[in-house]
Protein backbone atom coordinates (compact mmCIF):
# COMPACT_ATOMS: atom_id res chain seq x y z
CA MET A 1 -8.37 4.44 15.80
CA THR A 2 -6.60 5.84 12.70
CA VAL A 3 -6.30 3.69 10.05
CA GLY A 4 -2.35 4.52 7.26
CA PRO A 5 -3.21 3.56 4.68
CA ARG A 6 -2.08 0.14 2.70
CA ILE A 7 0.63 1.52 0.12
CA GLU A 8 2.80 4.03 0.99
CA PRO A 9 2.39 7.73 -1.16
CA LEU A 10 5.70 7.32 -3.49
CA PRO A 11 7.19 10.77 -2.31
CA PRO A 12 7.91 13.55 -5.55
CA ASP A 13 11.45 12.74 -5.69
CA ASP A 14 11.45 8.91 -5.65
CA TRP A 15 8.55 9.59 -8.37
CA PRO A 16 9.92 6.70 -11.88
CA GLU A 17 11.46 8.20 -15.27
CA GLU A 18 8.22 7.49 -17.24
CA LEU A 19 5.97 9.09 -14.97
CA ALA A 20 7.93 12.76 -15.56
CA GLY A 21 6.44 14.05 -17.74
CA ILE A 22 3.01 14.72 -15.76
CA ALA A 23 4.13 14.49 -12.68
CA ARG A 24 4.55 18.75 -13.18
CA VAL A 25 -0.03 17.93 -14.41
CA VAL A 26 -1.61 20.35 -12.63
CA PRO A 27 -5.55 18.22 -12.88
CA THR A 28 -9.06 19.50 -13.79
CA GLY A 29 -10.20 21.75 -11.29
CA SER A 30 -7.25 21.54 -8.45
CA ASP A 31 -4.42 23.95 -8.00
CA ALA A 32 -1.81 22.10 -7.75
CA PRO A 33 0.57 19.24 -9.81
CA LEU A 34 -0.99 15.18 -9.49
CA MET A 35 2.54 14.65 -7.95
CA SER A 36 0.90 16.48 -4.41
CA HIS A 37 -1.97 14.49 -5.23
CA ASN A 38 -2.31 11.15 -1.79
CA ILE A 39 -4.40 9.32 -5.01
CA PHE A 40 -1.47 9.88 -7.21
CA ARG A 41 1.16 9.87 -5.68
CA THR A 42 -0.56 6.46 -4.59
CA LEU A 43 -0.96 4.74 -8.44
CA ALA A 44 2.81 6.53 -9.50
CA ARG A 45 4.69 2.91 -7.22
CA HIS A 46 2.24 1.34 -10.98
CA PRO A 47 3.31 3.63 -13.88
CA ASP A 48 2.21 2.01 -15.84
CA LEU A 49 -1.35 1.40 -14.97
CA PHE A 50 -1.48 5.00 -13.94
CA ARG A 51 -0.45 6.46 -17.91
CA THR A 52 -2.92 4.09 -19.24
CA TRP A 53 -5.63 5.19 -17.09
CA LEU A 54 -5.02 8.96 -16.80
CA PRO A 55 -5.83 10.02 -20.00
CA PHE A 56 -9.52 8.08 -19.81
CA GLY A 57 -10.18 9.99 -15.64
CA GLY A 58 -8.77 13.93 -17.20
CA TYR A 59 -11.43 12.78 -20.06
CA LEU A 60 -14.02 12.60 -17.97
CA LEU A 61 -13.40 15.14 -15.76
CA GLY A 62 -12.20 17.83 -18.27
CA GLY A 63 -13.46 16.97 -22.03
CA GLY A 64 -16.31 15.28 -21.69
CA THR A 65 -19.80 16.36 -23.03
CA LEU A 66 -22.22 16.53 -19.45
CA PRO A 67 -22.63 20.40 -18.13
CA GLY A 68 -19.41 19.90 -15.29
CA ARG A 69 -22.19 21.05 -12.79
CA ASP A 70 -23.76 17.27 -14.06
CA ARG A 71 -20.66 15.06 -14.03
CA GLU A 72 -19.53 17.11 -10.25
CA LEU A 73 -23.40 15.67 -8.52
CA LEU A 74 -22.82 11.91 -10.24
CA ILE A 75 -19.49 12.11 -9.35
CA LEU A 76 -20.87 13.45 -5.93
CA ARG A 77 -23.53 10.44 -5.19
CA THR A 78 -21.39 8.60 -6.54
CA ALA A 79 -18.55 9.18 -3.57
CA VAL A 80 -21.35 8.28 -1.28
CA ARG A 81 -22.19 5.22 -1.92
CA CYS A 82 -19.58 4.27 -2.01
CA GLY A 83 -18.32 5.58 0.95
CA SER A 84 -15.34 7.53 -0.30
CA SER A 85 -14.26 9.98 1.54
CA TYR A 86 -11.01 11.30 -0.80
CA GLU A 87 -13.59 10.83 -3.43
CA TRP A 88 -15.91 13.65 -1.99
CA GLY A 89 -13.55 15.64 -0.47
CA GLN A 90 -11.81 16.22 -3.67
CA HIS A 91 -15.04 17.00 -5.75
CA VAL A 92 -16.23 19.03 -3.24
CA VAL A 93 -14.02 21.02 -4.27
CA ILE A 94 -14.31 20.46 -7.51
CA ALA A 95 -18.12 21.08 -7.95
CA SER A 96 -17.23 23.50 -6.32
CA ARG A 97 -15.74 25.73 -9.45
CA ALA A 98 -18.23 24.34 -11.87
CA GLY A 99 -21.10 26.13 -9.72
CA VAL A 100 -22.37 23.88 -7.50
CA GLU A 101 -23.71 26.03 -4.65
CA ARG A 102 -22.79 24.21 -1.27
CA GLU A 103 -26.03 23.32 0.24
CA ALA A 104 -26.31 21.70 -3.17
CA ILE A 105 -22.91 19.93 -2.53
CA GLU A 106 -24.27 19.48 1.44
CA ARG A 107 -28.39 18.26 0.13
CA VAL A 108 -25.63 15.29 -1.93
CA ARG A 109 -25.96 12.96 1.10
CA GLU A 110 -29.19 13.06 1.42
CA GLY A 111 -30.32 11.45 -2.47
CA PRO A 112 -32.73 12.50 -5.75
CA GLU A 113 -36.18 12.92 -2.66
CA ALA A 114 -34.37 15.64 -0.76
CA GLY A 115 -36.62 19.20 -1.42
CA GLY A 116 -35.21 21.37 -3.66
CA TRP A 117 -33.90 19.08 -6.40
CA THR A 118 -35.13 19.43 -10.21
CA GLU A 119 -36.61 17.03 -12.43
CA HIS A 120 -33.18 16.30 -13.92
CA GLU A 121 -31.39 16.78 -11.12
CA GLN A 122 -33.44 13.91 -9.15
CA ALA A 123 -32.69 11.83 -11.69
CA LEU A 124 -29.08 12.82 -12.45
CA LEU A 125 -29.16 11.26 -8.37
CA ARG A 126 -31.38 8.36 -9.45
CA ALA A 127 -29.11 7.65 -12.15
CA ALA A 128 -26.47 7.48 -9.23
CA ASP A 129 -28.29 5.19 -7.79
CA GLU A 130 -29.71 2.39 -9.52
CA LEU A 131 -26.09 2.65 -11.06
CA HIS A 132 -24.77 1.49 -7.39
CA ASP A 133 -27.77 -1.11 -6.75
CA SER A 134 -28.79 -2.77 -9.71
CA SER A 135 -25.84 -1.98 -12.39
CA SER A 136 -29.32 -0.51 -14.73
CA LEU A 137 -30.86 2.28 -15.11
CA SER A 138 -33.90 2.45 -15.69
CA ASP A 139 -36.82 2.98 -17.51
CA ALA A 140 -38.43 5.62 -15.54
CA THR A 141 -34.57 7.04 -15.30
CA TRP A 142 -33.34 6.90 -18.84
CA ALA A 143 -36.21 8.61 -19.96
CA ALA A 144 -36.03 11.77 -17.96
CA LEU A 145 -32.51 12.30 -18.78
CA ALA A 146 -32.99 11.78 -22.22
CA ARG A 147 -35.15 15.13 -22.25
CA ARG A 148 -32.63 17.19 -22.04
CA TYR A 149 -29.71 14.72 -22.72
CA ASP A 150 -28.59 13.24 -26.32
CA GLN A 151 -26.95 10.19 -27.07
CA ARG A 152 -23.45 10.76 -26.39
CA GLN A 153 -24.63 12.49 -22.87
CA LEU A 154 -26.43 8.94 -22.07
CA ILE A 155 -23.58 6.95 -23.13
CA GLU A 156 -21.35 9.06 -20.53
CA VAL A 157 -23.88 9.43 -18.00
CA THR A 158 -23.36 5.46 -17.73
CA ILE A 159 -19.24 5.04 -17.67
CA LEU A 160 -18.44 8.22 -15.53
CA VAL A 161 -20.18 7.10 -12.74
CA GLY A 162 -18.85 3.61 -13.19
CA GLU A 163 -15.78 5.26 -13.81
CA TYR A 164 -15.99 6.52 -10.00
CA HIS A 165 -16.74 3.43 -8.39
CA LEU A 166 -13.44 1.51 -10.55
CA VAL A 167 -12.31 4.92 -8.49
CA ALA A 168 -13.79 4.36 -5.50
CA PHE A 169 -12.99 1.22 -4.91
CA ALA A 170 -9.23 1.49 -5.28
CA LEU A 171 -9.34 4.68 -2.61
CA ASN A 172 -10.63 3.35 -0.03
CA SER A 173 -8.77 0.08 -0.93
CA LEU A 174 -5.65 0.77 -0.90
CA ARG A 175 -6.96 3.81 2.52
CA VAL A 176 -5.71 6.68 0.43
CA GLU A 177 -5.72 9.51 3.27
CA LEU A 178 -7.13 12.86 2.91
CA ASP A 179 -4.60 15.63 0.83
CA ASP A 180 -4.52 18.33 3.50
CA GLY A 181 -7.75 21.38 3.60
CA LEU A 182 -9.81 18.51 1.38
CA GLU A 183 -12.87 17.88 4.40
CA PRO A 184 -14.43 13.65 4.97
CA LEU A 185 -17.54 12.87 3.84
CA PRO A 186 -19.72 13.66 6.45
CA GLY A 187 -20.03 11.22 8.85
CA HIS A 188 -18.00 8.46 7.48
CA PRO A 189 -15.73 7.09 10.24
CA ASP A 190 -11.70 6.22 9.04
CA LEU A 191 -12.18 2.54 7.00
CA GLU A 192 -11.26 0.85 9.45
CA ASP A 193 -12.76 -2.12 8.17
CA PRO A 194 -12.81 -1.60 3.76
CA ALA A 195 -16.41 -4.30 4.39
CA SER A 196 -18.32 -1.42 5.98
CA ALA A 197 -17.46 1.11 3.33
CA GLY A 198 -19.81 0.58 0.82
CA ASN A 199 -23.87 2.02 1.32
């Protein structure tokens, strides 16, 4: 059974005047303006929150200190752990454009213990898992990341994973539907019961 959105995305013609300046902005990793994506069309129903959140999310996605590949591995693993099909679908596209190979994207679903990861990539996936499971990084994972990252990047890892938990919580709870052309998270059913979309 397919479950529709809890809040219908706002049609582009109905966007409020205060969002007119950003409606046609093309977000990082996309070819289409904000008003064509279901996530942004849904958040447009809360204009003040949307305008407040957008620069923060935009900074982490397009202006942060983490290499694009590392960022996308963290986000994809967070999407898997949160069971967020929309987040997964969007970031499969963005990760591909950031140079993440298709085989690596698929392997993210298997986690840090899958074969083929570098030590650093294993640490990234473990970081996403640890933050999801215990809201903190272990000493071993911190030390592994610190071998390559400076203090700013170490801070950013935790904030990035937290941001994409925030996004996944909203996407799952609002039941935002996939945009045309996005692939769903493999093996993840439609969110008939949000309580089942966690681990």
